N, C-alpha and C. Protein backbone atom coordinates (compact mmCIF):
# COMPACT_ATOMS: atom_id res chain seq x y z
N UNK A 1 0.85 -1.18 -0.02
CA UNK A 1 0.00 -0.02 -0.01
C UNK A 1 0.88 1.25 0.00
N UNK A 2 0.66 2.11 -0.98
CA UNK A 2 1.44 3.35 -1.05
C UNK A 2 0.87 4.43 -0.14
N UNK A 3 1.71 5.27 0.36
CA UNK A 3 1.29 6.40 1.22
C UNK A 3 0.84 7.61 0.36
N UNK A 4 1.20 7.60 -0.93
CA UNK A 4 0.91 8.72 -1.78
C UNK A 4 0.18 8.22 -3.06
N UNK A 5 -0.89 8.91 -3.44
CA UNK A 5 -1.60 8.63 -4.70
C UNK A 5 -1.48 9.76 -5.62
N UNK A 6 -1.18 9.45 -6.91
CA UNK A 6 -1.30 10.41 -7.98
C UNK A 6 -2.60 10.12 -8.71
N UNK A 7 -3.48 11.10 -8.78
CA UNK A 7 -4.78 10.91 -9.41
C UNK A 7 -4.58 10.64 -10.92
N UNK A 8 -5.07 9.53 -11.38
CA UNK A 8 -4.89 9.17 -12.78
C UNK A 8 -6.13 9.42 -13.60
N UNK A 9 -6.12 10.46 -14.41
CA UNK A 9 -7.22 10.69 -15.33
C UNK A 9 -6.71 10.85 -16.73
N UNK A 10 -5.50 10.27 -16.98
CA UNK A 10 -4.95 10.25 -18.31
C UNK A 10 -4.08 11.47 -18.64
N UNK A 11 -3.76 12.31 -17.67
CA UNK A 11 -2.96 13.47 -17.93
C UNK A 11 -1.56 13.10 -18.43
N UNK A 12 -1.00 13.95 -19.27
CA UNK A 12 0.27 13.62 -19.93
C UNK A 12 1.50 13.66 -19.05
N UNK A 13 1.42 14.26 -17.87
CA UNK A 13 2.64 14.40 -17.03
C UNK A 13 2.62 13.48 -15.84
N UNK A 14 1.75 12.49 -15.81
CA UNK A 14 1.68 11.60 -14.63
C UNK A 14 2.99 10.84 -14.41
N UNK A 15 3.61 10.35 -15.45
CA UNK A 15 4.82 9.56 -15.32
C UNK A 15 5.97 10.40 -14.78
N UNK A 16 6.12 11.60 -15.26
CA UNK A 16 7.23 12.44 -14.79
C UNK A 16 7.02 12.87 -13.36
N UNK A 17 5.79 13.09 -12.95
CA UNK A 17 5.48 13.39 -11.56
C UNK A 17 5.83 12.17 -10.69
N UNK A 18 5.40 11.01 -11.13
CA UNK A 18 5.71 9.78 -10.44
C UNK A 18 7.23 9.56 -10.27
N UNK A 19 7.99 9.78 -11.33
CA UNK A 19 9.42 9.60 -11.31
C UNK A 19 10.13 10.54 -10.33
N UNK A 20 9.63 11.76 -10.29
CA UNK A 20 10.21 12.75 -9.35
C UNK A 20 9.97 12.31 -7.91
N UNK A 21 8.75 11.83 -7.60
CA UNK A 21 8.44 11.40 -6.21
C UNK A 21 9.24 10.15 -5.85
N UNK A 22 9.32 9.20 -6.78
CA UNK A 22 10.11 8.00 -6.51
C UNK A 22 11.58 8.37 -6.29
N UNK A 23 12.08 9.29 -7.00
CA UNK A 23 13.46 9.76 -6.85
C UNK A 23 13.73 10.25 -5.42
N UNK A 24 12.70 10.77 -4.77
CA UNK A 24 12.83 11.24 -3.41
C UNK A 24 12.77 10.12 -2.40
N UNK A 25 12.41 8.90 -2.84
CA UNK A 25 12.39 7.76 -1.93
C UNK A 25 11.05 7.41 -1.36
N UNK A 26 9.98 8.00 -1.88
CA UNK A 26 8.63 7.70 -1.36
C UNK A 26 7.96 6.59 -2.15
N UNK A 27 7.01 5.90 -1.53
CA UNK A 27 6.15 4.94 -2.18
C UNK A 27 4.97 5.66 -2.75
N UNK A 28 4.71 5.49 -4.04
CA UNK A 28 3.64 6.21 -4.68
C UNK A 28 2.94 5.36 -5.68
N UNK A 29 1.68 5.62 -5.90
CA UNK A 29 0.85 4.84 -6.85
C UNK A 29 0.04 5.77 -7.74
N UNK A 30 0.05 5.50 -9.01
CA UNK A 30 -0.84 6.22 -9.97
C UNK A 30 -2.13 5.45 -10.06
N UNK A 31 -3.28 6.01 -9.69
CA UNK A 31 -4.47 5.32 -9.61
C UNK A 31 -5.72 6.18 -9.86
N UNK A 32 -6.80 5.58 -10.39
CA UNK A 32 -8.08 6.28 -10.48
C UNK A 32 -9.12 5.60 -9.63
N UNK A 33 -8.71 4.72 -8.76
CA UNK A 33 -9.62 4.00 -7.85
C UNK A 33 -9.89 4.84 -6.59
N UNK A 34 -11.16 5.17 -6.36
CA UNK A 34 -11.52 6.01 -5.23
C UNK A 34 -10.98 5.47 -3.90
N UNK A 35 -11.18 4.18 -3.67
CA UNK A 35 -10.75 3.60 -2.39
C UNK A 35 -9.25 3.75 -2.17
N UNK A 36 -8.50 3.51 -3.25
CA UNK A 36 -7.04 3.62 -3.14
C UNK A 36 -6.59 5.05 -2.82
N UNK A 37 -7.24 6.02 -3.51
CA UNK A 37 -6.93 7.44 -3.33
C UNK A 37 -7.26 7.87 -1.88
N UNK A 38 -8.42 7.43 -1.41
CA UNK A 38 -8.87 7.91 -0.07
C UNK A 38 -8.15 7.22 1.08
N UNK A 39 -7.42 6.11 0.81
CA UNK A 39 -6.65 5.44 1.88
C UNK A 39 -5.29 6.05 2.09
N UNK A 40 -4.79 6.89 1.16
CA UNK A 40 -3.44 7.38 1.24
C UNK A 40 -3.39 8.58 2.18
N UNK A 41 -2.13 8.94 2.57
CA UNK A 41 -1.88 10.05 3.45
C UNK A 41 -1.79 11.37 2.69
N UNK A 42 -1.38 11.30 1.40
CA UNK A 42 -1.26 12.52 0.62
C UNK A 42 -1.65 12.21 -0.85
N UNK A 43 -2.27 13.15 -1.48
CA UNK A 43 -2.71 12.98 -2.87
C UNK A 43 -2.14 14.10 -3.73
N UNK A 44 -1.59 13.71 -4.91
CA UNK A 44 -1.07 14.65 -5.87
C UNK A 44 -2.02 14.66 -7.07
N UNK A 45 -2.44 15.87 -7.48
CA UNK A 45 -3.42 16.04 -8.56
C UNK A 45 -2.76 16.86 -9.68
N UNK A 46 -2.01 16.19 -10.57
CA UNK A 46 -1.31 16.94 -11.61
C UNK A 46 -2.15 17.08 -12.84
N UNK A 47 -1.63 17.77 -13.88
CA UNK A 47 -2.39 17.85 -15.13
C UNK A 47 -1.72 18.82 -16.11
N UNK A 48 -2.03 18.52 -17.36
CA UNK A 48 -1.68 19.44 -18.50
C UNK A 48 -2.83 19.44 -19.46
N UNK A 49 -2.91 20.47 -20.31
CA UNK A 49 -3.96 20.50 -21.30
C UNK A 49 -5.08 21.47 -20.97
N UNK A 50 -6.29 21.14 -21.26
CA UNK A 50 -7.44 22.02 -21.09
C UNK A 50 -8.25 21.66 -19.84
N UNK A 51 -8.67 22.65 -19.12
CA UNK A 51 -9.42 22.43 -17.90
C UNK A 51 -10.79 21.81 -18.16
N UNK A 52 -11.44 22.21 -19.26
CA UNK A 52 -12.73 21.67 -19.59
C UNK A 52 -12.65 20.15 -19.84
N UNK A 53 -11.65 19.76 -20.66
CA UNK A 53 -11.41 18.34 -20.93
C UNK A 53 -11.13 17.58 -19.67
N UNK A 54 -10.32 18.17 -18.79
CA UNK A 54 -10.01 17.53 -17.52
C UNK A 54 -11.26 17.28 -16.72
N UNK A 55 -12.13 18.27 -16.59
CA UNK A 55 -13.35 18.12 -15.82
C UNK A 55 -14.24 17.01 -16.41
N UNK A 56 -14.34 16.95 -17.76
CA UNK A 56 -15.15 15.92 -18.41
C UNK A 56 -14.63 14.53 -18.02
N UNK A 57 -13.28 14.36 -18.12
CA UNK A 57 -12.70 13.03 -17.78
C UNK A 57 -12.86 12.74 -16.30
N UNK A 58 -12.66 13.69 -15.44
CA UNK A 58 -12.87 13.43 -14.01
C UNK A 58 -14.30 13.01 -13.72
N UNK A 59 -15.25 13.60 -14.38
CA UNK A 59 -16.66 13.21 -14.19
C UNK A 59 -16.91 11.79 -14.66
N UNK A 60 -16.41 11.47 -15.87
CA UNK A 60 -16.58 10.11 -16.38
C UNK A 60 -15.99 9.03 -15.47
N UNK A 61 -14.87 9.36 -14.83
CA UNK A 61 -14.17 8.39 -13.99
C UNK A 61 -14.72 8.39 -12.57
N UNK A 62 -15.64 9.30 -12.25
CA UNK A 62 -16.18 9.37 -10.90
C UNK A 62 -15.22 9.99 -9.88
N UNK A 63 -14.28 10.78 -10.40
CA UNK A 63 -13.23 11.36 -9.56
C UNK A 63 -13.58 12.75 -9.01
N UNK A 64 -14.57 13.40 -9.55
CA UNK A 64 -15.01 14.67 -9.01
C UNK A 64 -15.38 14.55 -7.55
N UNK A 65 -16.18 13.55 -7.28
CA UNK A 65 -16.63 13.31 -5.88
C UNK A 65 -15.47 13.03 -4.95
N UNK A 66 -14.49 12.29 -5.46
CA UNK A 66 -13.31 11.97 -4.67
C UNK A 66 -12.56 13.19 -4.28
N UNK A 67 -12.30 14.09 -5.25
CA UNK A 67 -11.53 15.34 -4.97
C UNK A 67 -12.34 16.24 -4.05
N UNK A 68 -13.61 16.34 -4.26
CA UNK A 68 -14.42 17.16 -3.37
C UNK A 68 -14.42 16.63 -1.95
N UNK A 69 -14.40 15.29 -1.79
CA UNK A 69 -14.32 14.70 -0.45
C UNK A 69 -12.96 14.99 0.19
N UNK A 70 -11.90 14.88 -0.56
CA UNK A 70 -10.56 15.19 -0.03
C UNK A 70 -10.54 16.58 0.50
N UNK A 71 -11.09 17.53 -0.26
CA UNK A 71 -11.14 18.95 0.17
C UNK A 71 -12.04 19.14 1.42
N UNK A 72 -13.19 18.47 1.39
CA UNK A 72 -14.14 18.63 2.51
C UNK A 72 -13.58 18.06 3.79
N UNK A 73 -12.79 17.01 3.67
CA UNK A 73 -12.16 16.41 4.88
C UNK A 73 -10.80 16.99 5.21
N UNK A 74 -10.42 18.05 4.49
CA UNK A 74 -9.16 18.75 4.69
C UNK A 74 -7.96 17.79 4.66
N UNK A 75 -7.98 16.90 3.67
CA UNK A 75 -6.86 15.97 3.48
C UNK A 75 -5.75 16.61 2.69
N UNK A 76 -4.52 16.26 2.88
CA UNK A 76 -3.38 16.83 2.15
C UNK A 76 -3.49 16.56 0.69
N UNK A 77 -3.65 17.59 -0.13
CA UNK A 77 -3.80 17.50 -1.55
C UNK A 77 -2.95 18.55 -2.23
N UNK A 78 -2.15 18.12 -3.25
CA UNK A 78 -1.29 19.04 -3.96
C UNK A 78 -1.73 19.05 -5.43
N UNK A 79 -2.27 20.22 -5.86
CA UNK A 79 -2.65 20.40 -7.27
C UNK A 79 -1.50 21.03 -8.05
N UNK A 80 -1.36 20.60 -9.28
CA UNK A 80 -0.26 21.08 -10.19
C UNK A 80 -0.82 21.47 -11.50
N UNK A 81 -0.56 22.72 -11.93
CA UNK A 81 -0.97 23.26 -13.25
C UNK A 81 -2.47 23.14 -13.43
N UNK A 82 -2.96 22.27 -14.34
CA UNK A 82 -4.38 22.11 -14.53
C UNK A 82 -4.99 21.60 -13.22
N UNK A 83 -4.27 20.86 -12.44
CA UNK A 83 -4.71 20.39 -11.13
C UNK A 83 -4.96 21.55 -10.18
N UNK A 84 -4.34 22.71 -10.39
CA UNK A 84 -4.65 23.91 -9.69
C UNK A 84 -5.88 24.59 -10.33
N UNK A 85 -5.90 24.72 -11.65
CA UNK A 85 -6.94 25.53 -12.29
C UNK A 85 -8.34 24.97 -12.07
N UNK A 86 -8.49 23.67 -12.08
CA UNK A 86 -9.86 23.10 -11.92
C UNK A 86 -10.34 23.17 -10.51
N UNK A 87 -9.51 23.56 -9.57
CA UNK A 87 -9.96 23.80 -8.21
C UNK A 87 -10.87 25.02 -8.08
N UNK A 88 -10.73 25.94 -9.05
CA UNK A 88 -11.53 27.19 -9.01
C UNK A 88 -12.97 26.94 -9.40
N UNK A 89 -13.78 27.97 -9.27
CA UNK A 89 -15.18 27.94 -9.57
C UNK A 89 -15.43 27.53 -11.03
N UNK A 90 -14.65 28.19 -11.93
CA UNK A 90 -14.81 27.88 -13.33
C UNK A 90 -13.69 28.55 -14.14
N UNK A 91 -13.68 28.22 -15.41
CA UNK A 91 -12.67 28.74 -16.31
C UNK A 91 -13.26 29.40 -17.54
N UNK A 92 -12.60 30.45 -18.02
CA UNK A 92 -13.05 31.14 -19.26
C UNK A 92 -12.60 30.36 -20.48
N UNK A 93 -11.80 29.36 -20.31
CA UNK A 93 -11.33 28.56 -21.42
C UNK A 93 -12.52 27.90 -22.15
N UNK A 94 -12.67 28.16 -23.45
CA UNK A 94 -13.79 27.62 -24.21
C UNK A 94 -15.10 28.35 -23.92
N UNK A 95 -15.01 29.59 -23.48
CA UNK A 95 -16.18 30.43 -23.15
C UNK A 95 -16.39 30.45 -21.65
N UNK A 96 -17.00 29.42 -21.13
CA UNK A 96 -17.12 29.26 -19.68
C UNK A 96 -17.35 27.77 -19.38
N UNK A 97 -16.58 27.28 -18.41
CA UNK A 97 -16.75 25.90 -18.03
C UNK A 97 -16.66 25.79 -16.50
N UNK A 98 -17.71 25.23 -15.88
CA UNK A 98 -17.75 25.07 -14.43
C UNK A 98 -16.70 24.04 -14.00
N UNK A 99 -15.99 24.36 -12.89
CA UNK A 99 -14.94 23.49 -12.39
C UNK A 99 -15.38 23.00 -10.98
N UNK A 100 -14.44 22.73 -10.11
CA UNK A 100 -14.73 22.07 -8.84
C UNK A 100 -15.29 23.01 -7.76
N UNK A 101 -15.01 24.30 -7.91
CA UNK A 101 -15.54 25.32 -6.95
C UNK A 101 -15.06 25.12 -5.52
N UNK A 102 -13.90 24.53 -5.39
CA UNK A 102 -13.27 24.41 -4.03
C UNK A 102 -12.64 25.76 -3.64
N UNK A 103 -12.01 26.41 -4.63
CA UNK A 103 -11.46 27.76 -4.41
C UNK A 103 -12.35 28.71 -5.18
N UNK A 104 -12.97 29.65 -4.53
CA UNK A 104 -13.82 30.60 -5.22
C UNK A 104 -13.00 31.54 -6.11
N UNK A 105 -13.38 31.61 -7.37
CA UNK A 105 -12.62 32.46 -8.29
C UNK A 105 -12.68 31.93 -9.68
N UNK A 106 -12.06 32.66 -10.63
CA UNK A 106 -12.12 32.31 -12.07
C UNK A 106 -10.74 32.09 -12.62
N UNK A 107 -10.70 31.22 -13.64
CA UNK A 107 -9.47 31.01 -14.41
C UNK A 107 -9.60 31.85 -15.67
N UNK A 108 -8.60 32.72 -15.91
CA UNK A 108 -8.66 33.64 -17.06
C UNK A 108 -7.50 33.42 -18.00
N UNK A 109 -7.68 33.84 -19.25
CA UNK A 109 -6.61 33.75 -20.24
C UNK A 109 -5.57 34.83 -19.95
N UNK A 110 -4.31 34.48 -20.21
CA UNK A 110 -3.25 35.49 -20.08
C UNK A 110 -3.51 36.62 -21.03
N UNK A 111 -3.11 37.85 -20.71
CA UNK A 111 -3.42 39.00 -21.54
C UNK A 111 -2.91 38.92 -22.97
N UNK A 112 -3.64 39.58 -23.91
CA UNK A 112 -3.14 39.60 -25.30
C UNK A 112 -1.84 40.36 -25.43
N UNK A 113 -1.10 40.03 -26.48
CA UNK A 113 0.20 40.64 -26.71
C UNK A 113 1.38 39.93 -26.14
N UNK A 114 1.09 38.83 -25.41
CA UNK A 114 2.13 38.03 -24.84
C UNK A 114 2.29 36.74 -25.63
N UNK A 115 3.49 36.18 -25.55
CA UNK A 115 3.66 34.84 -26.13
C UNK A 115 2.95 33.84 -25.26
N UNK A 116 2.00 33.14 -25.84
CA UNK A 116 1.18 32.14 -25.10
C UNK A 116 1.26 30.82 -25.80
N UNK A 117 1.49 29.72 -25.11
CA UNK A 117 1.56 29.66 -23.59
C UNK A 117 2.80 30.33 -23.02
N UNK A 118 2.62 30.71 -21.79
CA UNK A 118 3.74 31.12 -20.98
C UNK A 118 4.54 29.89 -20.71
N UNK A 119 5.72 29.77 -21.30
CA UNK A 119 6.54 28.58 -21.23
C UNK A 119 7.95 28.90 -20.84
N UNK A 120 8.42 28.29 -19.78
CA UNK A 120 9.81 28.49 -19.36
C UNK A 120 9.92 28.87 -17.89
N UNK A 121 11.08 29.34 -17.52
CA UNK A 121 11.37 29.63 -16.14
C UNK A 121 10.88 31.05 -15.78
N UNK A 122 10.33 31.19 -14.56
CA UNK A 122 9.90 32.46 -14.07
C UNK A 122 9.98 32.48 -12.53
N UNK A 123 10.06 33.68 -12.01
CA UNK A 123 10.20 33.86 -10.58
C UNK A 123 8.89 33.61 -9.85
N UNK A 124 9.00 32.96 -8.70
CA UNK A 124 7.87 32.75 -7.80
C UNK A 124 8.14 33.59 -6.55
N UNK A 125 7.32 34.61 -6.32
CA UNK A 125 7.52 35.53 -5.23
C UNK A 125 6.61 35.17 -4.06
N UNK A 126 7.18 34.75 -2.97
CA UNK A 126 6.41 34.25 -1.84
C UNK A 126 5.81 35.44 -1.07
N UNK A 127 4.52 35.30 -0.81
CA UNK A 127 3.78 36.37 -0.09
C UNK A 127 3.68 36.07 1.43
N UNK A 128 3.77 34.79 1.76
CA UNK A 128 3.63 34.42 3.18
C UNK A 128 4.44 33.16 3.42
N UNK A 129 4.77 32.90 4.69
CA UNK A 129 5.53 31.69 5.06
C UNK A 129 4.57 30.50 5.02
N UNK A 130 5.06 29.42 4.38
CA UNK A 130 4.26 28.20 4.34
C UNK A 130 5.22 27.02 4.23
N UNK A 131 4.90 25.86 4.83
CA UNK A 131 5.76 24.72 4.76
C UNK A 131 6.12 24.30 3.34
N UNK A 132 5.30 24.61 2.35
CA UNK A 132 5.56 24.23 0.94
C UNK A 132 6.89 24.81 0.46
N UNK A 133 7.24 25.95 0.98
CA UNK A 133 8.39 26.67 0.47
C UNK A 133 9.56 26.65 1.48
N UNK A 134 9.50 25.71 2.43
CA UNK A 134 10.59 25.59 3.39
C UNK A 134 11.91 25.38 2.69
N UNK A 135 12.94 26.19 3.01
CA UNK A 135 14.25 26.05 2.44
C UNK A 135 14.40 26.54 1.02
N UNK A 136 13.32 27.16 0.48
CA UNK A 136 13.34 27.62 -0.92
C UNK A 136 13.40 29.15 -0.89
N UNK A 137 14.48 29.76 -1.44
CA UNK A 137 14.62 31.19 -1.40
C UNK A 137 13.47 31.91 -2.13
N UNK A 138 13.03 33.00 -1.57
CA UNK A 138 12.01 33.85 -2.22
C UNK A 138 12.51 34.30 -3.60
N UNK A 139 11.68 34.31 -4.63
CA UNK A 139 12.07 34.71 -5.92
C UNK A 139 12.73 33.63 -6.75
N UNK A 140 12.73 32.38 -6.25
CA UNK A 140 13.35 31.30 -6.98
C UNK A 140 12.55 31.02 -8.26
N UNK A 141 13.26 30.52 -9.29
CA UNK A 141 12.65 30.24 -10.58
C UNK A 141 12.10 28.79 -10.62
N UNK A 142 10.92 28.69 -11.18
CA UNK A 142 10.28 27.42 -11.44
C UNK A 142 9.77 27.40 -12.88
N UNK A 143 9.48 26.20 -13.38
CA UNK A 143 9.14 26.01 -14.80
C UNK A 143 7.62 26.05 -15.02
N UNK A 144 7.18 26.86 -15.97
CA UNK A 144 5.77 27.07 -16.25
C UNK A 144 5.43 26.64 -17.67
N UNK A 145 4.25 26.11 -17.87
CA UNK A 145 3.70 25.90 -19.24
C UNK A 145 2.15 26.09 -19.05
N UNK A 146 1.62 27.26 -19.42
CA UNK A 146 0.20 27.51 -19.28
C UNK A 146 -0.23 28.70 -20.10
N UNK A 147 -1.51 28.73 -20.46
CA UNK A 147 -2.11 29.86 -21.17
C UNK A 147 -3.17 30.60 -20.36
N UNK A 148 -3.55 29.98 -19.24
CA UNK A 148 -4.56 30.55 -18.36
C UNK A 148 -3.99 30.61 -16.90
N UNK A 149 -4.65 31.45 -16.09
CA UNK A 149 -4.18 31.61 -14.71
C UNK A 149 -5.39 31.77 -13.82
N UNK A 150 -5.28 31.38 -12.59
CA UNK A 150 -6.39 31.49 -11.63
C UNK A 150 -6.35 32.78 -10.88
N UNK A 151 -7.52 33.37 -10.71
CA UNK A 151 -7.67 34.64 -9.91
C UNK A 151 -8.67 34.31 -8.79
N UNK A 152 -8.21 34.10 -7.56
CA UNK A 152 -9.09 33.78 -6.49
C UNK A 152 -9.84 35.04 -6.00
N UNK A 153 -11.10 34.82 -5.55
CA UNK A 153 -11.84 35.97 -4.97
C UNK A 153 -11.24 36.43 -3.67
N UNK A 154 -10.71 35.53 -2.89
CA UNK A 154 -10.11 35.81 -1.59
C UNK A 154 -8.59 35.76 -1.68
N UNK A 155 -7.96 36.89 -1.59
CA UNK A 155 -6.48 36.98 -1.74
C UNK A 155 -5.75 36.29 -0.62
N UNK A 156 -6.45 35.98 0.46
CA UNK A 156 -5.73 35.34 1.61
C UNK A 156 -5.28 33.90 1.27
N UNK A 157 -5.80 33.31 0.19
CA UNK A 157 -5.39 31.97 -0.19
C UNK A 157 -4.10 31.97 -0.97
N UNK A 158 -3.66 33.17 -1.42
CA UNK A 158 -2.48 33.25 -2.28
C UNK A 158 -1.20 33.12 -1.49
N UNK A 159 -0.39 32.08 -1.79
CA UNK A 159 0.93 31.87 -1.19
C UNK A 159 2.02 32.57 -1.90
N UNK A 160 1.94 32.65 -3.23
CA UNK A 160 2.98 33.20 -4.06
C UNK A 160 2.41 33.70 -5.36
N UNK A 161 3.15 34.68 -5.94
CA UNK A 161 2.71 35.31 -7.23
C UNK A 161 3.84 35.28 -8.21
N UNK A 162 3.46 35.35 -9.50
CA UNK A 162 4.41 35.43 -10.60
C UNK A 162 3.92 36.45 -11.61
N UNK A 163 4.87 37.16 -12.24
CA UNK A 163 4.51 38.17 -13.22
C UNK A 163 4.72 37.64 -14.64
N UNK A 164 3.68 37.79 -15.46
CA UNK A 164 3.81 37.53 -16.88
C UNK A 164 2.72 38.26 -17.62
N UNK A 165 2.97 39.55 -17.86
CA UNK A 165 1.93 40.43 -18.38
C UNK A 165 0.90 40.82 -17.39
N UNK A 166 0.67 40.02 -16.42
CA UNK A 166 -0.22 40.22 -15.28
C UNK A 166 0.42 39.49 -14.10
N UNK A 167 0.11 39.99 -12.89
CA UNK A 167 0.58 39.31 -11.71
C UNK A 167 -0.50 38.30 -11.30
N UNK A 168 -0.08 37.02 -11.30
CA UNK A 168 -1.11 35.98 -11.00
C UNK A 168 -0.62 35.10 -9.86
N UNK A 169 -1.61 34.41 -9.26
CA UNK A 169 -1.34 33.53 -8.12
C UNK A 169 -0.67 32.27 -8.67
N UNK A 170 0.62 32.05 -8.32
CA UNK A 170 1.31 30.86 -8.80
C UNK A 170 1.35 29.76 -7.74
N UNK A 171 0.90 30.08 -6.53
CA UNK A 171 0.72 29.07 -5.48
C UNK A 171 -0.41 29.51 -4.57
N UNK A 172 -1.28 28.61 -4.21
CA UNK A 172 -2.41 28.90 -3.31
C UNK A 172 -2.51 27.81 -2.25
N UNK A 173 -3.20 28.16 -1.16
CA UNK A 173 -3.44 27.14 -0.10
C UNK A 173 -4.72 27.42 0.61
N UNK A 174 -5.36 26.38 1.07
CA UNK A 174 -6.57 26.46 1.92
C UNK A 174 -6.56 25.24 2.79
N UNK A 175 -6.23 25.41 4.05
CA UNK A 175 -6.10 24.26 4.94
C UNK A 175 -4.97 23.36 4.50
N UNK A 176 -5.23 22.06 4.29
CA UNK A 176 -4.21 21.11 3.87
C UNK A 176 -4.18 20.97 2.34
N UNK A 177 -4.93 21.79 1.64
CA UNK A 177 -4.92 21.81 0.19
C UNK A 177 -3.91 22.91 -0.24
N UNK A 178 -2.98 22.53 -1.08
CA UNK A 178 -2.05 23.48 -1.69
C UNK A 178 -2.00 23.21 -3.18
N UNK A 179 -1.72 24.21 -3.99
CA UNK A 179 -1.66 24.01 -5.40
C UNK A 179 -0.73 25.05 -6.05
N UNK A 180 -0.06 24.59 -7.10
CA UNK A 180 0.94 25.46 -7.77
C UNK A 180 0.65 25.49 -9.28
N UNK A 181 0.84 26.61 -9.94
CA UNK A 181 0.69 26.72 -11.39
C UNK A 181 1.91 26.18 -12.15
N UNK A 182 3.05 26.23 -11.49
CA UNK A 182 4.28 25.71 -12.14
C UNK A 182 4.40 24.20 -12.01
N UNK A 183 5.38 23.63 -12.68
CA UNK A 183 5.60 22.20 -12.67
C UNK A 183 6.83 21.86 -11.81
N UNK A 184 6.64 21.41 -10.62
CA UNK A 184 7.80 21.03 -9.75
C UNK A 184 8.65 19.91 -10.40
N UNK A 185 7.97 18.95 -11.10
CA UNK A 185 8.71 17.86 -11.69
C UNK A 185 9.60 18.30 -12.82
N UNK A 186 9.47 19.54 -13.28
CA UNK A 186 10.29 20.05 -14.38
C UNK A 186 11.18 21.22 -13.84
N UNK A 187 11.25 21.37 -12.55
CA UNK A 187 11.96 22.52 -11.98
C UNK A 187 13.20 22.17 -11.19
N UNK A 188 13.85 21.11 -11.56
CA UNK A 188 15.12 20.76 -10.92
C UNK A 188 15.05 20.47 -9.45
N UNK A 189 16.13 20.79 -8.75
CA UNK A 189 16.24 20.46 -7.33
C UNK A 189 15.21 21.19 -6.47
N UNK A 190 14.93 22.43 -6.86
CA UNK A 190 13.94 23.19 -6.06
C UNK A 190 12.56 22.59 -6.26
N UNK A 191 12.29 22.10 -7.42
CA UNK A 191 11.03 21.42 -7.63
C UNK A 191 10.90 20.18 -6.78
N UNK A 192 11.95 19.40 -6.71
CA UNK A 192 11.95 18.23 -5.85
C UNK A 192 11.74 18.66 -4.38
N UNK A 193 12.30 19.79 -3.99
CA UNK A 193 12.11 20.28 -2.67
C UNK A 193 10.65 20.60 -2.34
N UNK A 194 9.95 21.17 -3.36
CA UNK A 194 8.51 21.42 -3.17
C UNK A 194 7.77 20.13 -2.85
N UNK A 195 8.04 19.06 -3.60
CA UNK A 195 7.43 17.77 -3.32
C UNK A 195 7.78 17.28 -1.93
N UNK A 196 9.09 17.32 -1.60
CA UNK A 196 9.57 16.89 -0.29
C UNK A 196 8.83 17.66 0.84
N UNK A 197 8.71 18.99 0.65
CA UNK A 197 8.07 19.80 1.63
C UNK A 197 6.61 19.44 1.80
N UNK A 198 5.93 19.19 0.71
CA UNK A 198 4.53 18.81 0.77
C UNK A 198 4.36 17.51 1.50
N UNK A 199 5.18 16.50 1.23
CA UNK A 199 5.03 15.23 1.87
C UNK A 199 5.39 15.31 3.37
N UNK A 200 6.34 16.15 3.74
CA UNK A 200 6.63 16.35 5.16
C UNK A 200 5.42 17.04 5.82
N UNK A 201 4.88 18.00 5.15
CA UNK A 201 3.65 18.76 5.63
C UNK A 201 2.51 17.79 5.80
N UNK A 202 2.41 16.78 4.94
CA UNK A 202 1.34 15.81 5.00
C UNK A 202 1.59 14.68 6.03
N UNK A 203 2.81 14.64 6.55
CA UNK A 203 3.18 13.61 7.54
C UNK A 203 3.48 12.25 6.91
N UNK A 204 3.92 12.26 5.67
CA UNK A 204 4.28 10.99 4.98
C UNK A 204 5.72 10.66 5.31
N UNK A 205 5.95 9.39 5.67
CA UNK A 205 7.31 8.94 5.97
C UNK A 205 7.84 8.07 4.83
N UNK A 206 9.16 8.11 4.67
CA UNK A 206 9.76 7.24 3.63
C UNK A 206 9.93 5.81 4.13
């Protein structure tokens, strides 16, 4: 039995997330089985692509209820990229698409005139102290690939911000739920530190 579950809904970056976690020495399982996900100490919810497609697949697999239960029970959950965006009320991608509504707010397209997607390294400016960024210098660079960004109604959930034509929330938290717009699995040693910090925060032992 693994202590960590990666939610499997067919996202393209599942294997690289798994490899990064295994590299740290943790036991991890990629799964779409509700029972397996709910038995673990920590859940990672990664993703790439379109938020609307992600929501459709989550519904078909019966995983919407699982994620909502994790949030309702304040279980340790780490959202990554699309796994962050679908936590919001909805997204403007494709007009308007309702999402999980765990974090009140909207996902918006990056402003016109910019190269989209926002792809590459950018600074993450920490707004408050949180275990997710333990040992990580403020302003450190992480790797981004996205065309949309989340704007929460309540700024108190924002852990860190990044500038790319607009200042957007690149890390958020609510209780034991944390989520990042960047990809820790593509961000070198500091990215691995983000995973390590989350699992320590969740009380997972190697």
